[in-house]
């Protein structure tokens, strides 16, 4: 019994240390939710979709800053911002650069493909970041509201997401260039920021229907990106 208690105490300590070193604004939809987004989009290697969160255990802030952006409510998110953020990929940047990380990871994928190198791990990062794009609290600063609701928001549909991935609503998006991609990233980011600001104003958790709708934005853009990459 004593040894079991010690193991449990160690586990709790590890969780507390993880929270200290990897703050809430670096979290994401939980694993099964990310996997569900990738499956709904038709990604054949959907099982890689949680990899970027796993990487944060080793890479810390260098990777964590790719998962969020600290925006003010009312901020205008533009394609130009996405291109500018891409320059900060894999750099320390407390304000976050999720939008540019999507573009930069896909550039890495295409570069490796062009050189006949194994490119799938670059795509796995992009798939994860595209999932984070629809999480409203990844577009807001780490304030009291974010700390209060972030973990619950991440897991709002996680229990059934992978089993019910076909429930994620898809719609048509056309991507033919980086410019198209940047416009779509900006569009979804703006929608997610607006929702996040509404939730913060109302001091409430995202509801389940809103969460499924948000997942649809990520899955639809991922589906379009996969088709673009196949051209």
C-alpha atoms as a PDB file:
ATOM      1  CA  UNK A   1       0.000   0.000   0.000  1.00  0.00           C
ATOM      2  CA  UNK A   2       2.818   2.375   0.893  1.00  0.00           C
ATOM      3  CA  UNK A   3       4.620   1.735  -2.389  1.00  0.00           C
ATOM      4  CA  UNK A   4       1.358   2.367  -4.288  1.00  0.00           C
ATOM      5  CA  UNK A   5       0.887   5.653  -2.430  1.00  0.00           C
ATOM      6  CA  UNK A   6       4.442   6.700  -3.287  1.00  0.00           C
ATOM      7  CA  UNK A   7       3.863   5.931  -6.981  1.00  0.00           C
ATOM      8  CA  UNK A   8       0.678   7.987  -6.992  1.00  0.00           C
ATOM      9  CA  UNK A   9       2.446  10.867  -5.251  1.00  0.00           C
ATOM     10  CA  UNK A  10       5.223  10.779  -7.833  1.00  0.00           C
ATOM     11  CA  UNK A  11       2.653  10.826 -10.641  1.00  0.00           C
ATOM     12  CA  UNK A  12       0.935  13.894  -9.190  1.00  0.00           C
ATOM     13  CA  UNK A  13       4.321  15.603  -8.790  1.00  0.00           C
ATOM     14  CA  UNK A  14       5.146  14.923 -12.447  1.00  0.00           C
ATOM     15  CA  UNK A  15       1.824  16.435 -13.506  1.00  0.00           C
ATOM     16  CA  UNK A  16       2.451  19.533 -11.405  1.00  0.00           C
ATOM     17  CA  UNK A  17       5.950  19.921 -12.814  1.00  0.00           C
ATOM     18  CA  UNK A  18       4.567  19.541 -16.323  1.00  0.00           C
ATOM     19  CA  UNK A  19       2.101  22.340 -15.695  1.00  0.00           C
ATOM     20  CA  UNK A  20       4.888  24.563 -14.432  1.00  0.00           C
ATOM     21  CA  UNK A  21       7.160  24.041 -17.409  1.00  0.00           C
ATOM     22  CA  UNK A  22       4.490  23.770 -20.114  1.00  0.00           C
ATOM     23  CA  UNK A  23       1.797  26.379 -19.400  1.00  0.00           C
ATOM     24  CA  UNK A  24      -1.808  25.979 -20.477  1.00  0.00           C
ATOM     25  CA  UNK A  25      -1.506  28.161 -23.542  1.00  0.00           C
ATOM     26  CA  UNK A  26       0.831  25.550 -25.030  1.00  0.00           C
ATOM     27  CA  UNK A  27      -1.724  22.736 -24.737  1.00  0.00           C
ATOM     28  CA  UNK A  28      -4.080  21.633 -27.465  1.00  0.00           C
ATOM     29  CA  UNK A  29      -7.145  19.553 -28.130  1.00  0.00           C
ATOM     30  CA  UNK A  30      -6.382  16.231 -26.436  1.00  0.00           C
ATOM     31  CA  UNK A  31      -4.920  13.326 -28.401  1.00  0.00           C
ATOM     32  CA  UNK A  32      -8.088  11.563 -29.541  1.00  0.00           C
ATOM     33  CA  UNK A  33      -9.550  14.859 -30.754  1.00  0.00           C
ATOM     34  CA  UNK A  34      -6.475  15.539 -32.894  1.00  0.00           C
ATOM     35  CA  UNK A  35      -6.606  11.988 -34.247  1.00  0.00           C
ATOM     36  CA  UNK A  36     -10.294  12.417 -35.071  1.00  0.00           C
ATOM     37  CA  UNK A  37      -9.618  15.617 -37.037  1.00  0.00           C
ATOM     38  CA  UNK A  38      -6.987  13.812 -39.107  1.00  0.00           C
ATOM     39  CA  UNK A  39      -9.246  10.805 -39.729  1.00  0.00           C
ATOM     40  CA  UNK A  40     -12.175  12.990 -40.732  1.00  0.00           C
ATOM     41  CA  UNK A  41      -9.933  14.750 -43.252  1.00  0.00           C
ATOM     42  CA  UNK A  42      -8.901  11.419 -44.758  1.00  0.00           C
ATOM     43  CA  UNK A  43      -5.262  11.585 -43.723  1.00  0.00           C
ATOM     44  CA  UNK A  44      -3.881   8.070 -44.169  1.00  0.00           C
ATOM     45  CA  UNK A  45      -1.362   8.538 -41.330  1.00  0.00           C
ATOM     46  CA  UNK A  46      -3.868  10.050 -38.914  1.00  0.00           C
ATOM     47  CA  UNK A  47      -2.191   8.239 -36.023  1.00  0.00           C
ATOM     48  CA  UNK A  48       0.686  10.767 -36.146  1.00  0.00           C
ATOM     49  CA  UNK A  49      -1.585  13.716 -35.369  1.00  0.00           C
ATOM     50  CA  UNK A  50      -0.762  13.901 -31.647  1.00  0.00           C
ATOM     51  CA  UNK A  51       3.000  13.772 -32.226  1.00  0.00           C
ATOM     52  CA  UNK A  52       3.657  17.489 -31.895  1.00  0.00           C
ATOM     53  CA  UNK A  53       2.303  17.473 -28.340  1.00  0.00           C
ATOM     54  CA  UNK A  54       4.515  14.494 -27.504  1.00  0.00           C
ATOM     55  CA  UNK A  55       7.506  16.448 -28.841  1.00  0.00           C
ATOM     56  CA  UNK A  56       6.880  19.227 -26.311  1.00  0.00           C
ATOM     57  CA  UNK A  57       8.066  16.899 -23.545  1.00  0.00           C
ATOM     58  CA  UNK A  58      11.558  17.095 -25.036  1.00  0.00           C
ATOM     59  CA  UNK A  59      11.574  20.411 -26.889  1.00  0.00           C
ATOM     60  CA  UNK A  60       9.704  22.521 -24.330  1.00  0.00           C
ATOM     61  CA  UNK A  61       9.071  26.138 -25.287  1.00  0.00           C
ATOM     62  CA  UNK A  62      10.823  25.818 -28.649  1.00  0.00           C
ATOM     63  CA  UNK A  63       8.007  23.526 -29.767  1.00  0.00           C
ATOM     64  CA  UNK A  64       5.323  24.865 -27.450  1.00  0.00           C
ATOM     65  CA  UNK A  65       5.317  28.318 -29.070  1.00  0.00           C
ATOM     66  CA  UNK A  66       4.158  26.704 -32.321  1.00  0.00           C
ATOM     67  CA  UNK A  67       0.791  25.837 -30.783  1.00  0.00           C
ATOM     68  CA  UNK A  68      -0.797  29.203 -29.965  1.00  0.00           C
ATOM     69  CA  UNK A  69      -0.875  32.953 -30.605  1.00  0.00           C
ATOM     70  CA  UNK A  70      -1.550  35.599 -27.960  1.00  0.00           C
ATOM     71  CA  UNK A  71      -4.060  37.880 -29.681  1.00  0.00           C
ATOM     72  CA  UNK A  72      -6.043  40.781 -28.326  1.00  0.00           C
ATOM     73  CA  UNK A  73      -9.780  40.626 -28.941  1.00  0.00           C
ATOM     74  CA  UNK A  74     -10.489  42.635 -32.060  1.00  0.00           C
ATOM     75  CA  UNK A  75      -7.098  41.862 -33.588  1.00  0.00           C
ATOM     76  CA  UNK A  76      -7.097  41.507 -37.378  1.00  0.00           C
ATOM     77  CA  UNK A  77      -5.390  38.329 -38.560  1.00  0.00           C
ATOM     78  CA  UNK A  78      -4.030  38.683 -42.097  1.00  0.00           C
ATOM     79  CA  UNK A  79      -2.191  36.479 -44.587  1.00  0.00           C
ATOM     80  CA  UNK A  80       0.804  38.806 -44.217  1.00  0.00           C
ATOM     81  CA  UNK A  81       0.934  37.922 -40.523  1.00  0.00           C
ATOM     82  CA  UNK A  82       1.058  34.215 -41.377  1.00  0.00           C
ATOM     83  CA  UNK A  83       4.037  34.692 -43.688  1.00  0.00           C
ATOM     84  CA  UNK A  84       5.805  36.826 -41.089  1.00  0.00           C
ATOM     85  CA  UNK A  85       5.209  34.245 -38.350  1.00  0.00           C
ATOM     86  CA  UNK A  86       6.637  31.459 -40.512  1.00  0.00           C
ATOM     87  CA  UNK A  87      10.068  33.052 -40.085  1.00  0.00           C
ATOM     88  CA  UNK A  88       9.870  32.382 -36.334  1.00  0.00           C
ATOM     89  CA  UNK A  89       9.170  28.660 -36.632  1.00  0.00           C
ATOM     90  CA  UNK A  90      11.246  26.677 -34.096  1.00  0.00           C
ATOM     91  CA  UNK A  91      12.335  29.878 -32.342  1.00  0.00           C
ATOM     92  CA  UNK A  92      11.592  31.045 -28.819  1.00  0.00           C
ATOM     93  CA  UNK A  93       8.617  33.376 -29.110  1.00  0.00           C
ATOM     94  CA  UNK A  94       6.430  33.837 -25.998  1.00  0.00           C
ATOM     95  CA  UNK A  95       3.702  35.520 -28.070  1.00  0.00           C
ATOM     96  CA  UNK A  96       3.340  32.335 -30.107  1.00  0.00           C
ATOM     97  CA  UNK A  97       3.306  31.727 -33.864  1.00  0.00           C
ATOM     98  CA  UNK A  98       0.823  28.911 -34.538  1.00  0.00           C
ATOM     99  CA  UNK A  99      -0.287  30.345 -37.878  1.00  0.00           C
ATOM    100  CA  UNK A 100       3.201  30.574 -39.309  1.00  0.00           C
ATOM    101  CA  UNK A 101       4.089  27.150 -37.909  1.00  0.00           C
ATOM    102  CA  UNK A 102       1.489  25.559 -40.184  1.00  0.00           C
ATOM    103  CA  UNK A 103       3.030  27.156 -43.258  1.00  0.00           C
ATOM    104  CA  UNK A 104       6.608  26.447 -42.175  1.00  0.00           C
ATOM    105  CA  UNK A 105       5.942  22.784 -41.403  1.00  0.00           C
ATOM    106  CA  UNK A 106       4.362  22.300 -44.826  1.00  0.00           C
ATOM    107  CA  UNK A 107       7.337  24.003 -46.428  1.00  0.00           C
ATOM    108  CA  UNK A 108       9.554  21.497 -44.644  1.00  0.00           C
ATOM    109  CA  UNK A 109       7.417  18.654 -45.969  1.00  0.00           C
ATOM    110  CA  UNK A 110       7.600  19.872 -49.558  1.00  0.00           C
ATOM    111  CA  UNK A 111      11.326  20.556 -49.302  1.00  0.00           C
ATOM    112  CA  UNK A 112      12.031  17.027 -48.067  1.00  0.00           C
ATOM    113  CA  UNK A 113       9.830  15.566 -50.791  1.00  0.00           C
ATOM    114  CA  UNK A 114      11.717  17.508 -53.457  1.00  0.00           C
ATOM    115  CA  UNK A 115      14.980  16.068 -52.147  1.00  0.00           C
ATOM    116  CA  UNK A 116      13.609  12.519 -51.975  1.00  0.00           C
ATOM    117  CA  UNK A 117      13.834  12.487 -48.182  1.00  0.00           C
ATOM    118  CA  UNK A 118      11.270  11.042 -45.779  1.00  0.00           C
ATOM    119  CA  UNK A 119       8.875  13.947 -45.306  1.00  0.00           C
ATOM    120  CA  UNK A 120       6.009  12.499 -43.254  1.00  0.00           C
ATOM    121  CA  UNK A 121       7.176  13.837 -39.898  1.00  0.00           C
ATOM    122  CA  UNK A 122       7.017  17.419 -41.183  1.00  0.00           C
ATOM    123  CA  UNK A 123       3.454  16.726 -42.283  1.00  0.00           C
ATOM    124  CA  UNK A 124       2.618  15.235 -38.886  1.00  0.00           C
ATOM    125  CA  UNK A 125       3.536  18.546 -37.244  1.00  0.00           C
ATOM    126  CA  UNK A 126       1.448  20.500 -39.747  1.00  0.00           C
ATOM    127  CA  UNK A 127      -1.540  18.200 -39.158  1.00  0.00           C
ATOM    128  CA  UNK A 128      -1.333  18.876 -35.429  1.00  0.00           C
ATOM    129  CA  UNK A 129      -0.997  22.644 -35.840  1.00  0.00           C
ATOM    130  CA  UNK A 130      -3.988  22.651 -38.181  1.00  0.00           C
ATOM    131  CA  UNK A 131      -5.926  20.971 -35.394  1.00  0.00           C
ATOM    132  CA  UNK A 132      -4.841  23.622 -32.897  1.00  0.00           C
ATOM    133  CA  UNK A 133      -6.085  26.309 -35.285  1.00  0.00           C
ATOM    134  CA  UNK A 134      -9.702  25.612 -34.364  1.00  0.00           C
ATOM    135  CA  UNK A 135      -9.188  25.642 -30.575  1.00  0.00           C
ATOM    136  CA  UNK A 136     -10.507  29.105 -29.569  1.00  0.00           C
ATOM    137  CA  UNK A 137      -8.358  29.411 -26.462  1.00  0.00           C
ATOM    138  CA  UNK A 138      -5.182  28.978 -28.517  1.00  0.00           C
ATOM    139  CA  UNK A 139      -5.817  32.447 -29.894  1.00  0.00           C
ATOM    140  CA  UNK A 140      -6.026  34.224 -26.528  1.00  0.00           C
ATOM    141  CA  UNK A 141      -3.399  35.193 -23.934  1.00  0.00           C
ATOM    142  CA  UNK A 142      -2.822  33.064 -20.855  1.00  0.00           C
ATOM    143  CA  UNK A 143      -5.138  35.035 -18.571  1.00  0.00           C
ATOM    144  CA  UNK A 144      -7.405  33.998 -15.696  1.00  0.00           C
ATOM    145  CA  UNK A 145     -10.166  32.954 -18.081  1.00  0.00           C
ATOM    146  CA  UNK A 146      -7.800  30.790 -20.142  1.00  0.00           C
ATOM    147  CA  UNK A 147      -6.372  29.104 -17.044  1.00  0.00           C
ATOM    148  CA  UNK A 148      -9.868  28.446 -15.716  1.00  0.00           C
ATOM    149  CA  UNK A 149     -11.277  26.767 -18.825  1.00  0.00           C
ATOM    150  CA  UNK A 150      -8.401  25.589 -21.011  1.00  0.00           C
ATOM    151  CA  UNK A 151      -8.042  21.985 -19.867  1.00  0.00           C
ATOM    152  CA  UNK A 152     -11.807  21.377 -19.922  1.00  0.00           C
ATOM    153  CA  UNK A 153     -12.050  23.016 -23.344  1.00  0.00           C
ATOM    154  CA  UNK A 154      -9.313  20.780 -24.755  1.00  0.00           C
ATOM    155  CA  UNK A 155     -11.132  17.658 -23.620  1.00  0.00           C
ATOM    156  CA  UNK A 156     -14.733  18.700 -24.301  1.00  0.00           C
ATOM    157  CA  UNK A 157     -15.387  15.992 -26.945  1.00  0.00           C
ATOM    158  CA  UNK A 158     -12.222  13.942 -26.539  1.00  0.00           C
ATOM    159  CA  UNK A 159     -13.880  10.846 -25.072  1.00  0.00           C
ATOM    160  CA  UNK A 160     -15.971  10.167 -28.177  1.00  0.00           C
ATOM    161  CA  UNK A 161     -14.065  12.130 -30.843  1.00  0.00           C
ATOM    162  CA  UNK A 162     -12.139   9.257 -32.392  1.00  0.00           C
ATOM    163  CA  UNK A 163     -15.102   6.874 -32.251  1.00  0.00           C
ATOM    164  CA  UNK A 164     -17.404   9.487 -33.777  1.00  0.00           C
ATOM    165  CA  UNK A 165     -14.974  11.232 -36.129  1.00  0.00           C
ATOM    166  CA  UNK A 166     -17.539  11.082 -38.961  1.00  0.00           C
ATOM    167  CA  UNK A 167     -19.604  13.576 -36.980  1.00  0.00           C
ATOM    168  CA  UNK A 168     -17.033  16.285 -37.739  1.00  0.00           C
ATOM    169  CA  UNK A 169     -18.669  18.510 -40.395  1.00  0.00           C
ATOM    170  CA  UNK A 170     -16.609  18.979 -43.553  1.00  0.00           C
ATOM    171  CA  UNK A 171     -16.948  21.677 -46.188  1.00  0.00           C
ATOM    172  CA  UNK A 172     -15.105  22.478 -49.392  1.00  0.00           C
ATOM    173  CA  UNK A 173     -11.929  24.576 -49.374  1.00  0.00           C
ATOM    174  CA  UNK A 174      -9.689  25.095 -52.416  1.00  0.00           C
ATOM    175  CA  UNK A 175      -5.942  25.424 -51.901  1.00  0.00           C
ATOM    176  CA  UNK A 176      -3.676  25.988 -54.885  1.00  0.00           C
ATOM    177  CA  UNK A 177      -0.841  28.045 -53.407  1.00  0.00           C
ATOM    178  CA  UNK A 178       0.736  29.289 -50.200  1.00  0.00           C
ATOM    179  CA  UNK A 179      -1.267  32.473 -50.628  1.00  0.00           C
ATOM    180  CA  UNK A 180      -4.510  30.466 -50.631  1.00  0.00           C
ATOM    181  CA  UNK A 181      -3.350  28.574 -47.576  1.00  0.00           C
ATOM    182  CA  UNK A 182      -2.464  31.769 -45.699  1.00  0.00           C
ATOM    183  CA  UNK A 183      -5.886  33.250 -46.471  1.00  0.00           C
ATOM    184  CA  UNK A 184      -7.638  30.165 -45.109  1.00  0.00           C
ATOM    185  CA  UNK A 185      -5.458  30.038 -42.001  1.00  0.00           C
ATOM    186  CA  UNK A 186      -6.272  33.702 -41.366  1.00  0.00           C
ATOM    187  CA  UNK A 187      -9.995  33.112 -41.926  1.00  0.00           C
ATOM    188  CA  UNK A 188     -10.230  30.209 -39.479  1.00  0.00           C
ATOM    189  CA  UNK A 189      -7.986  31.951 -36.965  1.00  0.00           C
ATOM    190  CA  UNK A 190     -10.266  35.002 -37.078  1.00  0.00           C
ATOM    191  CA  UNK A 191     -13.352  32.837 -36.503  1.00  0.00           C
ATOM    192  CA  UNK A 192     -11.668  31.019 -33.639  1.00  0.00           C
ATOM    193  CA  UNK A 193     -10.473  34.253 -32.035  1.00  0.00           C
ATOM    194  CA  UNK A 194     -13.963  35.728 -32.261  1.00  0.00           C
ATOM    195  CA  UNK A 195     -15.458  32.674 -30.580  1.00  0.00           C
ATOM    196  CA  UNK A 196     -12.769  32.698 -27.903  1.00  0.00           C
ATOM    197  CA  UNK A 197     -13.468  36.334 -27.109  1.00  0.00           C
ATOM    198  CA  UNK A 198     -17.207  35.628 -26.885  1.00  0.00           C
ATOM    199  CA  UNK A 199     -16.583  32.726 -24.513  1.00  0.00           C
ATOM    200  CA  UNK A 200     -14.322  34.874 -22.366  1.00  0.00           C
ATOM    201  CA  UNK A 201     -16.870  37.704 -22.269  1.00  0.00           C
ATOM    202  CA  UNK A 202     -19.567  35.241 -21.201  1.00  0.00           C
ATOM    203  CA  UNK A 203     -17.143  33.506 -18.805  1.00  0.00           C
ATOM    204  CA  UNK A 204     -18.104  30.040 -19.946  1.00  0.00           C
ATOM    205  CA  UNK A 205     -16.788  26.841 -21.445  1.00  0.00           C
ATOM    206  CA  UNK A 206     -17.202  26.122 -25.140  1.00  0.00           C
ATOM    207  CA  UNK A 207     -20.224  23.864 -25.601  1.00  0.00           C
ATOM    208  CA  UNK A 208     -20.079  20.545 -27.370  1.00  0.00           C
ATOM    209  CA  UNK A 209     -21.842  21.648 -30.563  1.00  0.00           C
ATOM    210  CA  UNK A 210     -19.503  24.609 -30.892  1.00  0.00           C
ATOM    211  CA  UNK A 211     -16.549  22.275 -30.401  1.00  0.00           C
ATOM    212  CA  UNK A 212     -17.672  19.921 -33.186  1.00  0.00           C
ATOM    213  CA  UNK A 213     -18.159  22.897 -35.486  1.00  0.00           C
ATOM    214  CA  UNK A 214     -14.662  24.138 -34.702  1.00  0.00           C
ATOM    215  CA  UNK A 215     -13.177  20.725 -35.442  1.00  0.00           C
ATOM    216  CA  UNK A 216     -14.866  20.943 -38.831  1.00  0.00           C
ATOM    217  CA  UNK A 217     -12.815  24.019 -39.713  1.00  0.00           C
ATOM    218  CA  UNK A 218      -9.555  22.195 -38.963  1.00  0.00           C
ATOM    219  CA  UNK A 219     -10.566  18.985 -40.721  1.00  0.00           C
ATOM    220  CA  UNK A 220     -11.825  20.827 -43.819  1.00  0.00           C
ATOM    221  CA  UNK A 221      -8.617  22.823 -44.159  1.00  0.00           C
ATOM    222  CA  UNK A 222      -6.497  19.719 -43.587  1.00  0.00           C
ATOM    223  CA  UNK A 223      -8.452  17.890 -46.281  1.00  0.00           C
ATOM    224  CA  UNK A 224      -7.779  20.759 -48.695  1.00  0.00           C
ATOM    225  CA  UNK A 225      -4.092  20.808 -47.785  1.00  0.00           C
ATOM    226  CA  UNK A 226      -3.735  17.060 -48.394  1.00  0.00           C
ATOM    227  CA  UNK A 227      -5.290  17.453 -51.848  1.00  0.00           C
ATOM    228  CA  UNK A 228      -2.974  20.356 -52.619  1.00  0.00           C
ATOM    229  CA  UNK A 229       0.074  18.322 -51.605  1.00  0.00           C
ATOM    230  CA  UNK A 230      -0.955  15.488 -53.901  1.00  0.00           C
ATOM    231  CA  UNK A 231      -0.964  17.714 -57.004  1.00  0.00           C
END
